């Protein structure tokens, strides 16, 4: 859904030389951050373009972020991305898969408390899946307001399948209700 409905618009809306900026909040061990990096790289390759990309992948768990920084995952987990994508972005050993260095170079992994620390700003894309479900309605509204503040107008927000934008509705237009993809209004 991101590749079809959001990524082309994100790149179309950037000016010459502008960096595409994405934030994967509550990234845990980093799989989603690498998936986003793959989608963005694939899109640029399909367009025959190069452009700087910066992905901020954050979590409160420093140990999980160490795993993410290494970019080494069990082979069985990575097989889910498909052979073509794995061949393009991974190096394999007997039991593990290592994310390619050019993907890792686009991602900054950082400890960040979403409920206490200020948001990253000027984002084109925010991905936060399956975190809001653990929060009460007031705290969800606060976090969604932070995401609205973090996103540039026209930027996209992707939530988990059981999450909605609720009280943040005035900030977002629904792109795909089923898959929880929203676009920041001007």
N, C-alpha and C. Protein backbone atom coordinates (compact mmCIF):
# COMPACT_ATOMS: atom_id res chain seq x y z
N UNK A 1 0.83 -1.19 0.00
CA UNK A 1 0.00 0.00 0.00
C UNK A 1 0.87 1.26 0.00
N UNK A 2 1.92 1.26 0.81
CA UNK A 2 2.81 2.43 0.81
C UNK A 2 3.43 2.62 -0.57
N UNK A 3 3.89 1.54 -1.17
CA UNK A 3 4.54 1.64 -2.49
C UNK A 3 3.58 2.17 -3.54
N UNK A 4 2.32 1.79 -3.46
CA UNK A 4 1.34 2.19 -4.47
C UNK A 4 0.72 3.56 -4.21
N UNK A 5 0.38 3.84 -2.96
CA UNK A 5 -0.43 5.02 -2.67
C UNK A 5 0.33 6.20 -2.05
N UNK A 6 1.48 5.94 -1.45
CA UNK A 6 2.17 7.02 -0.75
C UNK A 6 3.52 7.38 -1.35
N UNK A 7 4.35 6.39 -1.60
CA UNK A 7 5.73 6.66 -2.01
C UNK A 7 5.83 7.49 -3.28
N UNK A 8 5.07 7.21 -4.34
CA UNK A 8 5.18 8.07 -5.53
C UNK A 8 4.86 9.53 -5.23
N UNK A 9 3.82 9.77 -4.44
CA UNK A 9 3.44 11.14 -4.08
C UNK A 9 4.53 11.81 -3.25
N UNK A 10 5.13 11.05 -2.34
CA UNK A 10 6.19 11.62 -1.52
C UNK A 10 7.33 12.15 -2.38
N UNK A 11 7.77 11.35 -3.34
CA UNK A 11 8.87 11.79 -4.19
C UNK A 11 8.44 12.90 -5.13
N UNK A 12 7.20 12.85 -5.63
CA UNK A 12 6.71 13.91 -6.52
C UNK A 12 6.65 15.26 -5.82
N UNK A 13 6.41 15.25 -4.52
CA UNK A 13 6.25 16.50 -3.77
C UNK A 13 7.57 17.12 -3.32
N UNK A 14 8.67 16.43 -3.49
CA UNK A 14 9.96 16.97 -3.07
C UNK A 14 10.54 17.89 -4.13
N UNK A 15 11.20 18.93 -3.67
CA UNK A 15 11.90 19.83 -4.57
C UNK A 15 13.26 19.25 -4.94
N UNK A 16 13.92 19.86 -5.91
CA UNK A 16 15.25 19.38 -6.32
C UNK A 16 16.22 19.37 -5.13
N UNK A 17 16.88 18.25 -4.96
CA UNK A 17 17.87 18.11 -3.90
C UNK A 17 17.32 17.91 -2.50
N UNK A 18 15.99 17.97 -2.34
CA UNK A 18 15.41 17.77 -1.01
C UNK A 18 15.56 16.32 -0.57
N UNK A 19 15.80 16.14 0.70
CA UNK A 19 15.93 14.82 1.31
C UNK A 19 14.55 14.31 1.69
N UNK A 20 14.24 13.06 1.32
CA UNK A 20 13.00 12.44 1.80
C UNK A 20 13.27 11.99 3.24
N UNK A 21 12.39 12.41 4.15
CA UNK A 21 12.58 12.12 5.57
C UNK A 21 11.41 11.29 6.09
N UNK A 22 11.75 10.16 6.70
CA UNK A 22 10.75 9.27 7.27
C UNK A 22 11.10 8.99 8.72
N UNK A 23 10.07 8.76 9.52
CA UNK A 23 10.25 8.42 10.93
C UNK A 23 9.47 7.14 11.20
N UNK A 24 10.18 6.11 11.62
CA UNK A 24 9.56 4.87 12.05
C UNK A 24 9.62 4.87 13.57
N UNK A 25 8.52 5.28 14.18
CA UNK A 25 8.45 5.39 15.64
C UNK A 25 8.15 4.03 16.25
N UNK A 26 8.73 3.79 17.41
CA UNK A 26 8.54 2.52 18.12
C UNK A 26 8.94 1.36 17.22
N UNK A 27 10.16 1.44 16.69
CA UNK A 27 10.62 0.50 15.66
C UNK A 27 11.08 -0.84 16.19
N UNK A 28 11.20 -1.00 17.50
CA UNK A 28 11.64 -2.25 18.11
C UNK A 28 12.98 -2.69 17.51
N UNK A 29 13.04 -3.87 16.89
CA UNK A 29 14.31 -4.38 16.37
C UNK A 29 14.56 -3.99 14.91
N UNK A 30 13.75 -3.09 14.37
CA UNK A 30 14.07 -2.44 13.11
C UNK A 30 13.55 -3.01 11.81
N UNK A 31 12.80 -4.10 11.86
CA UNK A 31 12.34 -4.71 10.60
C UNK A 31 11.54 -3.74 9.75
N UNK A 32 10.63 -2.97 10.38
CA UNK A 32 9.83 -2.02 9.60
C UNK A 32 10.68 -0.91 9.02
N UNK A 33 11.68 -0.46 9.75
CA UNK A 33 12.56 0.58 9.23
C UNK A 33 13.27 0.10 7.97
N UNK A 34 13.76 -1.13 8.00
CA UNK A 34 14.42 -1.68 6.81
C UNK A 34 13.42 -1.89 5.67
N UNK A 35 12.21 -2.28 6.00
CA UNK A 35 11.18 -2.44 4.96
C UNK A 35 10.87 -1.11 4.27
N UNK A 36 10.76 -0.05 5.06
CA UNK A 36 10.52 1.28 4.49
C UNK A 36 11.71 1.67 3.62
N UNK A 37 12.92 1.44 4.09
CA UNK A 37 14.11 1.76 3.30
C UNK A 37 14.11 1.01 1.97
N UNK A 38 13.70 -0.25 2.00
CA UNK A 38 13.63 -1.05 0.76
C UNK A 38 12.62 -0.46 -0.21
N UNK A 39 11.44 -0.10 0.29
CA UNK A 39 10.40 0.47 -0.58
C UNK A 39 10.88 1.77 -1.24
N UNK A 40 11.52 2.60 -0.46
CA UNK A 40 12.00 3.88 -1.01
C UNK A 40 13.11 3.65 -2.03
N UNK A 41 14.03 2.75 -1.74
CA UNK A 41 15.11 2.44 -2.67
C UNK A 41 14.57 1.82 -3.96
N UNK A 42 13.60 0.94 -3.84
CA UNK A 42 13.00 0.32 -5.03
C UNK A 42 12.33 1.36 -5.91
N UNK A 43 11.65 2.29 -5.28
CA UNK A 43 10.96 3.31 -6.06
C UNK A 43 11.95 4.19 -6.81
N UNK A 44 13.01 4.59 -6.14
CA UNK A 44 14.03 5.40 -6.81
C UNK A 44 14.67 4.63 -7.96
N UNK A 45 14.96 3.36 -7.73
CA UNK A 45 15.56 2.53 -8.78
C UNK A 45 14.61 2.43 -9.98
N UNK A 46 13.32 2.23 -9.72
CA UNK A 46 12.34 2.12 -10.81
C UNK A 46 12.24 3.42 -11.60
N UNK A 47 12.44 4.54 -10.94
CA UNK A 47 12.41 5.85 -11.61
C UNK A 47 13.75 6.21 -12.26
N UNK A 48 14.77 5.41 -11.97
CA UNK A 48 16.10 5.72 -12.48
C UNK A 48 16.68 6.97 -11.84
N UNK A 49 16.36 7.19 -10.57
CA UNK A 49 16.78 8.39 -9.87
C UNK A 49 17.65 8.05 -8.66
N UNK A 50 18.38 9.04 -8.24
CA UNK A 50 19.04 8.97 -6.94
C UNK A 50 18.58 10.20 -6.17
N UNK A 51 18.44 10.03 -4.89
CA UNK A 51 17.98 11.12 -4.03
C UNK A 51 18.35 10.73 -2.61
N UNK A 52 18.76 11.68 -1.80
CA UNK A 52 19.06 11.34 -0.40
C UNK A 52 17.79 10.99 0.37
N UNK A 53 17.93 9.97 1.19
CA UNK A 53 16.84 9.50 2.05
C UNK A 53 17.37 9.43 3.47
N UNK A 54 16.57 9.87 4.42
CA UNK A 54 16.95 9.75 5.82
C UNK A 54 15.77 9.19 6.59
N UNK A 55 16.00 8.05 7.22
CA UNK A 55 14.97 7.40 8.02
C UNK A 55 15.41 7.44 9.48
N UNK A 56 14.57 8.00 10.32
CA UNK A 56 14.80 8.02 11.75
C UNK A 56 13.98 6.90 12.35
N UNK A 57 14.64 5.91 12.91
CA UNK A 57 13.97 4.76 13.51
C UNK A 57 14.22 4.83 15.01
N UNK A 58 13.15 4.98 15.76
CA UNK A 58 13.29 5.25 17.18
C UNK A 58 12.52 4.25 18.03
N UNK A 59 13.04 4.06 19.24
CA UNK A 59 12.38 3.20 20.21
C UNK A 59 12.92 3.54 21.59
N UNK A 60 12.21 3.16 22.60
CA UNK A 60 12.64 3.37 23.97
C UNK A 60 13.62 2.28 24.41
N UNK A 61 13.57 1.13 23.78
CA UNK A 61 14.35 -0.04 24.16
C UNK A 61 15.73 -0.04 23.48
N UNK A 62 16.76 0.33 24.24
CA UNK A 62 18.12 0.42 23.70
C UNK A 62 18.62 -0.93 23.21
N UNK A 63 18.26 -1.99 23.89
CA UNK A 63 18.71 -3.34 23.48
C UNK A 63 18.11 -3.72 22.13
N UNK A 64 16.84 -3.42 21.93
CA UNK A 64 16.20 -3.70 20.64
C UNK A 64 16.87 -2.89 19.53
N UNK A 65 17.23 -1.65 19.85
CA UNK A 65 17.89 -0.79 18.86
C UNK A 65 19.28 -1.32 18.49
N UNK A 66 19.96 -1.98 19.41
CA UNK A 66 21.25 -2.60 19.07
C UNK A 66 21.06 -3.67 17.99
N UNK A 67 20.02 -4.47 18.14
CA UNK A 67 19.70 -5.47 17.12
C UNK A 67 19.40 -4.77 15.80
N UNK A 68 18.64 -3.70 15.86
CA UNK A 68 18.27 -2.96 14.65
C UNK A 68 19.51 -2.40 13.96
N UNK A 69 20.42 -1.81 14.73
CA UNK A 69 21.63 -1.22 14.15
C UNK A 69 22.48 -2.27 13.44
N UNK A 70 22.55 -3.45 14.02
CA UNK A 70 23.34 -4.53 13.40
C UNK A 70 22.69 -4.98 12.10
N UNK A 71 21.38 -4.98 12.05
CA UNK A 71 20.68 -5.40 10.84
C UNK A 71 20.87 -6.87 10.52
N UNK A 72 21.01 -7.69 11.54
CA UNK A 72 21.17 -9.14 11.36
C UNK A 72 19.93 -9.81 11.92
N UNK A 73 19.27 -10.59 11.06
CA UNK A 73 18.02 -11.24 11.45
C UNK A 73 18.08 -12.71 11.09
N UNK A 74 17.28 -13.52 11.79
CA UNK A 74 17.22 -14.94 11.42
C UNK A 74 16.73 -15.07 9.98
N UNK A 75 17.30 -15.98 9.27
CA UNK A 75 16.98 -16.18 7.86
C UNK A 75 15.47 -16.38 7.65
N UNK A 76 14.82 -17.09 8.54
CA UNK A 76 13.39 -17.39 8.39
C UNK A 76 12.54 -16.12 8.41
N UNK A 77 12.95 -15.11 9.15
CA UNK A 77 12.19 -13.86 9.23
C UNK A 77 12.30 -13.11 7.91
N UNK A 78 13.47 -13.08 7.34
CA UNK A 78 13.70 -12.32 6.12
C UNK A 78 13.08 -12.99 4.90
N UNK A 79 12.91 -14.29 4.93
CA UNK A 79 12.32 -14.99 3.79
C UNK A 79 10.94 -14.44 3.43
N UNK A 80 10.29 -13.80 4.39
CA UNK A 80 8.95 -13.24 4.16
C UNK A 80 8.97 -12.08 3.16
N UNK A 81 10.13 -11.48 2.91
CA UNK A 81 10.16 -10.33 1.99
C UNK A 81 10.23 -10.75 0.53
N UNK A 82 10.45 -12.03 0.26
CA UNK A 82 10.50 -12.52 -1.12
C UNK A 82 11.93 -12.61 -1.63
N UNK A 83 12.13 -13.51 -2.56
CA UNK A 83 13.49 -13.78 -3.07
C UNK A 83 14.11 -12.59 -3.78
N UNK A 84 13.35 -11.90 -4.62
CA UNK A 84 13.92 -10.78 -5.38
C UNK A 84 14.37 -9.66 -4.45
N UNK A 85 13.54 -9.33 -3.50
CA UNK A 85 13.87 -8.25 -2.56
C UNK A 85 15.05 -8.69 -1.67
N UNK A 86 15.03 -9.93 -1.22
CA UNK A 86 16.13 -10.42 -0.39
C UNK A 86 17.45 -10.40 -1.17
N UNK A 87 17.41 -10.77 -2.44
CA UNK A 87 18.63 -10.76 -3.26
C UNK A 87 19.16 -9.34 -3.45
N UNK A 88 18.27 -8.38 -3.54
CA UNK A 88 18.68 -7.00 -3.77
C UNK A 88 19.20 -6.31 -2.51
N UNK A 89 18.71 -6.71 -1.34
CA UNK A 89 19.00 -5.94 -0.13
C UNK A 89 19.64 -6.73 1.01
N UNK A 90 19.91 -8.01 0.82
CA UNK A 90 20.42 -8.82 1.93
C UNK A 90 21.63 -9.64 1.51
N UNK A 91 22.43 -9.97 2.51
CA UNK A 91 23.51 -10.92 2.35
C UNK A 91 23.22 -12.06 3.31
N UNK A 92 23.39 -13.30 2.84
CA UNK A 92 23.00 -14.45 3.65
C UNK A 92 24.19 -15.24 4.14
N UNK A 93 24.06 -15.75 5.36
CA UNK A 93 24.97 -16.75 5.89
C UNK A 93 24.12 -18.01 6.10
N UNK A 94 24.67 -19.00 6.76
CA UNK A 94 23.94 -20.26 6.95
C UNK A 94 22.63 -20.06 7.70
N UNK A 95 22.65 -19.20 8.73
CA UNK A 95 21.45 -19.05 9.56
C UNK A 95 20.89 -17.63 9.59
N UNK A 96 21.66 -16.66 9.12
CA UNK A 96 21.28 -15.27 9.27
C UNK A 96 21.20 -14.54 7.94
N UNK A 97 20.56 -13.40 8.02
CA UNK A 97 20.47 -12.48 6.91
C UNK A 97 20.95 -11.12 7.42
N UNK A 98 21.83 -10.49 6.66
CA UNK A 98 22.37 -9.19 7.05
C UNK A 98 21.86 -8.15 6.05
N UNK A 99 21.28 -7.08 6.56
CA UNK A 99 20.81 -6.01 5.69
C UNK A 99 22.02 -5.35 5.02
N UNK A 100 21.83 -4.94 3.77
CA UNK A 100 22.94 -4.35 3.03
C UNK A 100 23.37 -3.02 3.66
N UNK A 101 24.66 -2.71 3.56
CA UNK A 101 25.15 -1.45 4.15
C UNK A 101 24.48 -0.21 3.58
N UNK A 102 24.12 -0.21 2.29
CA UNK A 102 23.50 1.00 1.74
C UNK A 102 22.12 1.26 2.34
N UNK A 103 21.42 0.21 2.78
CA UNK A 103 20.16 0.42 3.51
C UNK A 103 20.45 0.98 4.90
N UNK A 104 21.40 0.37 5.58
CA UNK A 104 21.73 0.79 6.95
C UNK A 104 22.22 2.24 6.96
N UNK A 105 22.89 2.67 5.92
CA UNK A 105 23.41 4.04 5.86
C UNK A 105 22.30 5.08 5.82
N UNK A 106 21.12 4.71 5.35
CA UNK A 106 20.00 5.64 5.25
C UNK A 106 19.19 5.75 6.54
N UNK A 107 19.51 4.89 7.52
CA UNK A 107 18.70 4.82 8.74
C UNK A 107 19.52 5.25 9.95
N UNK A 108 18.93 6.14 10.75
CA UNK A 108 19.51 6.54 12.03
C UNK A 108 18.65 5.91 13.12
N UNK A 109 19.22 5.00 13.89
CA UNK A 109 18.51 4.38 15.01
C UNK A 109 18.82 5.17 16.27
N UNK A 110 17.78 5.56 17.01
CA UNK A 110 17.98 6.39 18.19
C UNK A 110 16.98 6.06 19.29
N UNK A 111 17.45 6.15 20.52
CA UNK A 111 16.55 6.00 21.67
C UNK A 111 15.68 7.25 21.73
N UNK A 112 14.38 7.04 21.85
CA UNK A 112 13.43 8.14 21.87
C UNK A 112 12.19 7.69 22.61
N UNK A 113 11.76 8.51 23.56
CA UNK A 113 10.53 8.23 24.30
C UNK A 113 9.41 9.03 23.64
N UNK A 114 8.56 8.36 22.93
CA UNK A 114 7.49 9.01 22.17
C UNK A 114 6.55 9.80 23.07
N UNK A 115 6.42 9.40 24.31
CA UNK A 115 5.49 10.07 25.22
C UNK A 115 6.11 11.26 25.94
N UNK A 116 7.45 11.40 25.85
CA UNK A 116 8.10 12.47 26.60
C UNK A 116 8.98 13.36 25.72
N UNK A 117 9.67 12.78 24.75
CA UNK A 117 10.61 13.55 23.94
C UNK A 117 9.90 14.28 22.80
N UNK A 118 10.47 15.40 22.34
CA UNK A 118 9.84 16.12 21.23
C UNK A 118 9.88 15.30 19.95
N UNK A 119 8.95 15.53 19.05
CA UNK A 119 8.92 14.75 17.80
C UNK A 119 10.00 15.21 16.84
N UNK A 120 10.32 14.36 15.89
CA UNK A 120 11.16 14.76 14.77
C UNK A 120 10.28 15.61 13.86
N UNK A 121 10.85 16.62 13.23
CA UNK A 121 10.06 17.55 12.42
C UNK A 121 10.42 17.46 10.95
N UNK A 122 9.52 17.96 10.10
CA UNK A 122 9.77 17.99 8.67
C UNK A 122 9.73 16.62 8.03
N UNK A 123 8.91 15.74 8.57
CA UNK A 123 8.82 14.37 8.06
C UNK A 123 7.87 14.29 6.87
N UNK A 124 8.22 13.43 5.93
CA UNK A 124 7.36 13.13 4.79
C UNK A 124 6.50 11.90 5.06
N UNK A 125 7.00 11.04 5.93
CA UNK A 125 6.32 9.79 6.25
C UNK A 125 6.56 9.47 7.72
N UNK A 126 5.49 9.08 8.42
CA UNK A 126 5.60 8.56 9.78
C UNK A 126 4.92 7.20 9.80
N UNK A 127 5.66 6.22 10.30
CA UNK A 127 5.12 4.87 10.46
C UNK A 127 5.16 4.55 11.95
N UNK A 128 4.01 4.20 12.50
CA UNK A 128 3.93 3.80 13.91
C UNK A 128 2.83 2.75 13.99
N UNK A 129 3.24 1.52 13.95
CA UNK A 129 2.27 0.43 13.90
C UNK A 129 2.25 -0.33 15.22
N UNK A 130 1.03 -0.51 15.74
CA UNK A 130 0.79 -1.37 16.90
C UNK A 130 1.42 -0.86 18.18
N UNK A 131 1.43 0.45 18.34
CA UNK A 131 1.85 1.05 19.61
C UNK A 131 0.67 1.75 20.28
N UNK A 132 -0.11 2.46 19.49
CA UNK A 132 -1.23 3.23 20.05
C UNK A 132 -2.25 2.36 20.77
N UNK A 133 -2.35 1.11 20.37
CA UNK A 133 -3.34 0.22 21.00
C UNK A 133 -3.07 0.01 22.49
N UNK A 134 -1.87 0.32 22.94
CA UNK A 134 -1.51 0.15 24.35
C UNK A 134 -1.76 1.41 25.17
N UNK A 135 -2.26 2.47 24.53
CA UNK A 135 -2.44 3.76 25.20
C UNK A 135 -3.92 4.08 25.39
N UNK A 136 -4.22 4.86 26.42
CA UNK A 136 -5.60 5.30 26.57
C UNK A 136 -5.90 6.40 25.55
N UNK A 137 -7.15 6.77 25.43
CA UNK A 137 -7.58 7.70 24.37
C UNK A 137 -6.89 9.06 24.47
N UNK A 138 -6.69 9.58 25.68
CA UNK A 138 -6.04 10.89 25.83
C UNK A 138 -4.59 10.86 25.36
N UNK A 139 -3.88 9.82 25.71
CA UNK A 139 -2.47 9.71 25.32
C UNK A 139 -2.37 9.43 23.82
N UNK A 140 -3.30 8.64 23.28
CA UNK A 140 -3.33 8.42 21.83
C UNK A 140 -3.48 9.76 21.11
N UNK A 141 -4.38 10.60 21.60
CA UNK A 141 -4.62 11.90 20.97
C UNK A 141 -3.36 12.76 21.01
N UNK A 142 -2.63 12.71 22.12
CA UNK A 142 -1.38 13.47 22.25
C UNK A 142 -0.36 12.98 21.22
N UNK A 143 -0.19 11.66 21.12
CA UNK A 143 0.79 11.10 20.19
C UNK A 143 0.41 11.42 18.75
N UNK A 144 -0.85 11.31 18.41
CA UNK A 144 -1.30 11.62 17.05
C UNK A 144 -1.12 13.11 16.73
N UNK A 145 -1.29 13.95 17.73
CA UNK A 145 -1.03 15.37 17.54
C UNK A 145 0.46 15.61 17.27
N UNK A 146 1.32 14.89 17.96
CA UNK A 146 2.76 14.96 17.71
C UNK A 146 3.09 14.53 16.28
N UNK A 147 2.45 13.46 15.82
CA UNK A 147 2.70 13.00 14.45
C UNK A 147 2.23 14.04 13.44
N UNK A 148 1.07 14.65 13.70
CA UNK A 148 0.57 15.70 12.80
C UNK A 148 1.56 16.87 12.75
N UNK A 149 2.11 17.21 13.89
CA UNK A 149 3.10 18.29 13.97
C UNK A 149 4.40 17.90 13.26
N UNK A 150 4.76 16.64 13.34
CA UNK A 150 6.01 16.15 12.73
C UNK A 150 5.93 16.12 11.21
N UNK A 151 4.75 15.87 10.67
CA UNK A 151 4.60 15.69 9.23
C UNK A 151 4.48 17.02 8.49
N UNK A 152 5.12 17.08 7.33
CA UNK A 152 4.90 18.19 6.42
C UNK A 152 3.49 18.05 5.84
N UNK A 153 2.86 19.13 5.41
CA UNK A 153 1.58 19.00 4.72
C UNK A 153 1.75 18.07 3.51
N UNK A 154 0.83 17.14 3.36
CA UNK A 154 0.92 16.17 2.27
C UNK A 154 1.67 14.91 2.65
N UNK A 155 2.30 14.90 3.84
CA UNK A 155 3.01 13.71 4.30
C UNK A 155 2.03 12.63 4.72
N UNK A 156 2.54 11.43 4.89
CA UNK A 156 1.68 10.28 5.17
C UNK A 156 1.96 9.70 6.55
N UNK A 157 0.91 9.15 7.16
CA UNK A 157 0.97 8.45 8.44
C UNK A 157 0.41 7.05 8.23
N UNK A 158 1.18 6.04 8.64
CA UNK A 158 0.72 4.65 8.58
C UNK A 158 0.65 4.11 9.99
N UNK A 159 -0.54 3.65 10.38
CA UNK A 159 -0.77 3.06 11.70
C UNK A 159 -1.00 1.56 11.57
N UNK A 160 -1.11 0.90 12.70
CA UNK A 160 -1.40 -0.53 12.73
C UNK A 160 -2.86 -0.81 12.41
N UNK A 161 -3.18 -2.07 12.12
CA UNK A 161 -4.53 -2.42 11.67
C UNK A 161 -5.64 -2.20 12.69
N UNK A 162 -5.30 -2.12 13.97
CA UNK A 162 -6.32 -1.92 15.00
C UNK A 162 -6.32 -0.49 15.53
N UNK A 163 -5.65 0.42 14.83
CA UNK A 163 -5.51 1.80 15.31
C UNK A 163 -6.23 2.78 14.37
N UNK A 164 -6.70 3.88 14.95
CA UNK A 164 -7.34 4.92 14.15
C UNK A 164 -6.80 6.28 14.59
N UNK A 165 -7.10 7.30 13.81
CA UNK A 165 -6.62 8.64 14.14
C UNK A 165 -7.52 9.36 15.13
N UNK A 166 -8.71 8.85 15.36
CA UNK A 166 -9.59 9.38 16.40
C UNK A 166 -9.69 10.89 16.44
N UNK A 167 -9.26 11.48 17.56
CA UNK A 167 -9.39 12.92 17.77
C UNK A 167 -8.50 13.74 16.84
N UNK A 168 -7.54 13.11 16.18
CA UNK A 168 -6.65 13.83 15.26
C UNK A 168 -7.25 13.96 13.86
N UNK A 169 -8.50 13.55 13.70
CA UNK A 169 -9.17 13.57 12.39
C UNK A 169 -9.04 14.92 11.66
N UNK A 170 -9.12 16.07 12.34
CA UNK A 170 -9.01 17.34 11.60
C UNK A 170 -7.67 17.53 10.89
N UNK A 171 -6.63 16.83 11.34
CA UNK A 171 -5.31 16.99 10.74
C UNK A 171 -5.08 16.11 9.51
N UNK A 172 -5.89 15.06 9.35
CA UNK A 172 -5.60 14.03 8.36
C UNK A 172 -6.76 13.73 7.43
N UNK A 173 -6.42 13.38 6.20
CA UNK A 173 -7.39 12.83 5.25
C UNK A 173 -7.12 11.33 5.18
N UNK A 174 -8.18 10.56 5.11
CA UNK A 174 -8.02 9.10 5.02
C UNK A 174 -7.69 8.72 3.59
N UNK A 175 -6.58 8.02 3.42
CA UNK A 175 -6.18 7.49 2.12
C UNK A 175 -6.70 6.08 1.96
N UNK A 176 -6.54 5.26 3.00
CA UNK A 176 -7.04 3.89 2.99
C UNK A 176 -7.45 3.52 4.41
N UNK A 177 -8.75 3.45 4.64
CA UNK A 177 -9.28 3.20 5.98
C UNK A 177 -8.91 1.80 6.46
N UNK A 178 -9.01 0.81 5.59
CA UNK A 178 -8.73 -0.57 5.98
C UNK A 178 -7.30 -0.75 6.47
N UNK A 179 -6.34 -0.16 5.75
CA UNK A 179 -4.93 -0.34 6.08
C UNK A 179 -4.35 0.82 6.87
N UNK A 180 -5.20 1.74 7.32
CA UNK A 180 -4.83 2.83 8.23
C UNK A 180 -3.73 3.73 7.67
N UNK A 181 -3.93 4.16 6.43
CA UNK A 181 -3.01 5.11 5.80
C UNK A 181 -3.71 6.45 5.71
N UNK A 182 -3.04 7.50 6.23
CA UNK A 182 -3.60 8.83 6.29
C UNK A 182 -2.61 9.83 5.70
N UNK A 183 -3.16 10.95 5.20
CA UNK A 183 -2.32 12.00 4.65
C UNK A 183 -2.57 13.29 5.42
N UNK A 184 -1.47 13.97 5.75
CA UNK A 184 -1.54 15.22 6.52
C UNK A 184 -2.16 16.31 5.66
N UNK A 185 -3.19 16.94 6.18
CA UNK A 185 -3.82 18.05 5.49
C UNK A 185 -2.93 19.30 5.60
N UNK A 186 -3.16 20.23 4.70
CA UNK A 186 -2.40 21.49 4.75
C UNK A 186 -2.77 22.27 5.99
